[in-house]
Protein backbone atom coordinates (compact mmCIF):
# COMPACT_ATOMS: atom_id res chain seq x y z
CA MET A 1 36.11 -27.21 -48.34
CA THR A 2 39.51 -25.77 -49.12
CA ASP A 3 42.51 -25.88 -46.82
CA ILE A 4 43.66 -22.39 -47.77
CA ILE A 5 43.66 -20.69 -44.37
CA PHE A 6 46.17 -17.84 -44.67
CA ARG A 7 48.38 -17.17 -47.68
CA THR A 8 50.28 -14.02 -48.52
CA GLY A 9 51.85 -12.61 -51.65
CA GLU A 10 53.26 -9.38 -52.96
CA ALA A 11 54.74 -8.06 -56.17
CA THR A 12 56.18 -4.92 -57.66
CA VAL A 13 55.82 -3.95 -61.30
CA LEU A 14 57.61 -0.77 -62.29
CA ALA A 15 56.15 2.09 -64.27
CA ALA A 16 57.03 3.18 -67.76
CA GLU A 17 59.69 5.89 -67.95
CA GLY A 18 58.41 9.21 -66.62
CA GLN A 19 55.35 7.78 -64.92
CA ALA A 20 54.55 7.34 -61.21
CA THR A 21 52.46 4.26 -61.91
CA ASP A 22 54.48 1.61 -60.04
CA ALA A 23 52.21 -1.06 -58.60
CA MET A 24 52.97 -2.89 -55.35
CA PRO A 25 49.94 -4.89 -54.20
CA GLU A 26 50.03 -7.07 -51.12
CA VAL A 27 47.56 -9.94 -51.09
CA LEU A 28 46.05 -11.98 -48.29
CA ILE A 29 44.06 -15.08 -49.30
CA GLY A 30 42.10 -17.44 -47.07
CA THR A 31 38.82 -19.17 -46.35
CA VAL A 32 35.75 -17.09 -45.68
CA THR A 33 35.32 -19.00 -42.39
CA GLY A 34 38.89 -18.41 -41.18
CA PRO A 35 40.96 -15.42 -40.07
CA VAL A 36 41.06 -13.86 -43.55
CA GLY A 37 37.28 -14.06 -43.82
CA HIS A 38 36.95 -12.46 -40.39
CA ALA A 39 39.34 -9.65 -41.38
CA PHE A 40 37.45 -9.23 -44.68
CA ALA A 41 34.12 -8.79 -42.89
CA SER A 42 35.72 -6.37 -40.43
CA MET A 43 36.79 -4.13 -43.33
CA LEU A 44 33.24 -3.30 -44.38
CA GLY A 45 33.37 0.03 -42.52
CA GLN A 46 35.36 3.01 -43.75
CA THR A 47 38.48 4.60 -42.31
CA VAL A 48 39.24 8.25 -43.00
CA GLY A 49 41.74 8.53 -45.84
CA HIS A 50 41.85 4.80 -46.60
CA THR A 51 38.83 3.86 -48.66
CA ARG A 52 37.86 0.21 -48.61
CA MET A 53 35.85 -1.22 -51.44
CA PHE A 54 34.87 -4.47 -53.04
CA VAL A 55 36.77 -5.15 -56.23
CA VAL A 56 34.50 -4.95 -59.24
CA ARG A 57 35.44 -5.20 -62.89
CA ASP A 58 32.67 -2.76 -63.81
CA LEU A 59 29.20 -1.86 -62.61
CA ASN A 60 27.42 -4.98 -61.32
CA GLN A 61 30.54 -7.12 -61.87
CA LEU A 62 31.77 -8.06 -58.37
CA VAL A 63 34.71 -10.41 -58.78
CA ARG A 64 34.91 -13.94 -57.43
CA PRO A 65 36.50 -14.75 -55.11
CA ALA A 66 35.13 -11.76 -53.24
CA THR A 67 37.93 -9.25 -52.80
CA MET A 68 38.28 -6.17 -50.64
CA MET A 69 40.84 -3.53 -51.59
CA THR A 70 42.24 -0.63 -49.62
CA THR A 71 45.02 1.88 -50.09
CA LYS A 72 48.49 2.09 -48.60
CA ALA A 73 48.60 5.88 -49.13
CA THR A 74 46.18 8.35 -47.59
CA ILE A 75 43.59 9.63 -50.02
CA HIS A 76 43.45 13.41 -50.27
CA THR A 77 41.66 14.18 -53.54
CA GLU A 78 38.67 13.24 -55.64
CA ALA A 79 41.01 12.62 -58.59
CA TYR A 80 42.84 9.99 -56.52
CA VAL A 81 39.55 8.28 -55.65
CA GLU A 82 38.56 8.27 -59.33
CA LEU A 83 41.83 6.56 -60.35
CA LEU A 84 41.60 4.07 -57.48
CA GLY A 85 37.96 3.21 -58.11
CA GLY A 86 38.41 3.28 -61.87
CA VAL A 87 41.58 2.19 -63.62
CA VAL A 88 43.20 0.50 -60.61
CA GLN A 89 40.06 -1.30 -59.50
CA GLY A 90 39.35 -2.45 -63.06
CA ALA A 91 42.90 -3.76 -63.50
CA THR A 92 42.75 -5.53 -60.15
CA GLY A 93 39.41 -7.13 -60.98
CA ASP A 94 40.56 -8.29 -64.40
CA ALA A 95 43.70 -9.82 -62.87
CA ILE A 96 41.66 -11.76 -60.29
CA VAL A 97 39.26 -13.16 -62.89
CA ASP A 98 42.19 -14.07 -65.15
CA CYS A 99 43.83 -15.91 -62.23
CA VAL A 100 40.68 -18.05 -62.04
CA ILE A 101 40.60 -18.55 -65.82
CA GLU A 102 44.28 -19.62 -65.78
CA GLY A 103 43.80 -21.98 -62.80
CA VAL A 104 46.01 -20.04 -60.39
CA ILE A 105 42.91 -19.80 -58.21
CA PRO A 106 40.88 -22.99 -58.63
CA LYS A 107 37.39 -22.19 -59.94
CA ALA A 108 35.87 -24.78 -57.59
CA ILE A 109 36.82 -22.74 -54.49
CA VAL A 110 35.96 -19.17 -55.51
CA ASP A 111 33.03 -19.00 -53.10
CA GLU A 112 35.04 -20.54 -50.24
CA ILE A 113 37.89 -18.01 -50.18
CA CYS A 114 38.27 -14.26 -50.12
CA LEU A 115 41.10 -11.85 -50.81
CA ILE A 116 42.26 -8.64 -49.20
CA ILE A 117 44.53 -6.50 -51.35
CA THR A 118 46.37 -3.39 -50.26
CA ILE A 119 47.02 -1.11 -53.20
CA TRP A 120 49.84 1.35 -53.77
CA LEU A 121 48.68 4.26 -55.89
CA ASP A 122 51.25 7.02 -55.90
CA PRO A 123 49.53 10.30 -54.96
CA ARG A 124 51.40 12.02 -57.83
CA CYS A 125 49.22 10.09 -60.31
CA ALA A 126 46.19 12.18 -59.40
CA GLU A 127 48.11 15.40 -60.08
CA ASP A 128 49.82 14.36 -63.32
CA PRO A 129 48.16 15.88 -66.41
CA ASN A 130 50.20 13.46 -68.56
CA LEU A 131 49.28 10.34 -66.60
CA ASP A 132 49.38 7.24 -68.78
CA LYS A 133 46.27 5.38 -67.62
CA ALA A 134 47.17 2.42 -69.82
CA ASP A 135 50.44 2.08 -67.90
CA LEU A 136 48.58 2.44 -64.60
CA TYR A 137 46.32 -0.42 -65.72
CA ARG A 138 49.27 -2.53 -66.91
CA THR A 139 51.31 -2.25 -63.73
CA ASN A 140 48.36 -2.99 -61.46
CA TYR A 141 47.13 -5.88 -63.60
CA GLU A 142 50.56 -7.54 -63.85
CA ALA A 143 51.47 -6.98 -60.19
CA THR A 144 48.13 -8.28 -58.92
CA LYS A 145 48.40 -11.46 -60.98
CA LEU A 146 51.96 -12.01 -59.80
CA ALA A 147 51.11 -11.36 -56.13
CA ILE A 148 48.20 -13.82 -56.28
CA ARG A 149 50.34 -16.48 -57.96
CA ARG A 150 53.04 -16.01 -55.34
CA ALA A 151 50.48 -16.33 -52.54
CA MET A 152 49.02 -19.49 -54.04
CA THR A 153 52.45 -21.10 -54.59
CA GLY A 154 54.26 -19.87 -51.48
CA GLU A 155 56.85 -17.79 -53.32
CA PRO A 156 59.48 -16.89 -52.54
CA THR A 157 60.27 -20.01 -50.55
CA ILE A 158 62.36 -19.78 -47.42
CA ASP A 159 65.14 -21.64 -49.26
CA GLU A 160 65.17 -18.92 -51.96
CA LEU A 161 65.29 -16.20 -49.31
CA ILE A 162 68.17 -17.90 -47.53
CA ALA A 163 70.05 -18.47 -50.80
CA ASN A 164 69.82 -14.80 -51.85
CA ARG A 165 70.21 -13.22 -48.39
CA LYS A 166 73.60 -11.70 -49.23
CA THR A 167 72.97 -10.93 -52.92
CA ILE A 168 69.62 -9.15 -52.83
CA LYS A 169 68.95 -6.15 -50.62
CA HIS A 170 66.10 -3.68 -50.27
CA TYR A 171 66.45 -0.94 -52.91
CA ALA A 172 66.30 1.78 -50.26
CA LEU A 173 69.40 0.36 -48.56
CA ASP A 174 71.65 0.89 -51.57
CA GLY A 175 74.67 2.75 -50.28
CA VAL A 176 73.25 2.89 -46.75
CA ILE A 177 74.73 -0.32 -45.38
CA GLU A 178 77.40 -2.70 -46.58
CA TYR A 179 76.66 -6.44 -46.70
């Protein structure tokens, strides 16, 4: 049995110029018998505006470790649901399987752990007639892999956070406060 009880990771991968396809997944990884597994099982119901679904790579291709995804933004349109359950879900599933292939997630424990991933899909994507679905796939794939790796390796470390406390600030604080 694995000792992975509760690990967290996040990542941001920015969109190509002119696209609203930034990806910012947040990942929670833990044993199916621990708090993450309990939270995973509790997510099997639906919440209005925040669809929850298993991550599949395609029809009949549920990923391992079992992964539940949900949105950070409220879903308002069918087009949004189609992007979330299509391109974004496919990219997320491919990233998870590739993390197993690359050894980031040990193959021997895929049935002992589960993942919960919150997905950022900008609502503008569903309204954009020039949406670059390849970029939407790319950002979600890259960000999911990075978030999982960070969760599995404990990045950033507290020492890194302390070292960069005065040199890195939240992008939304630029010009708001002085360090």
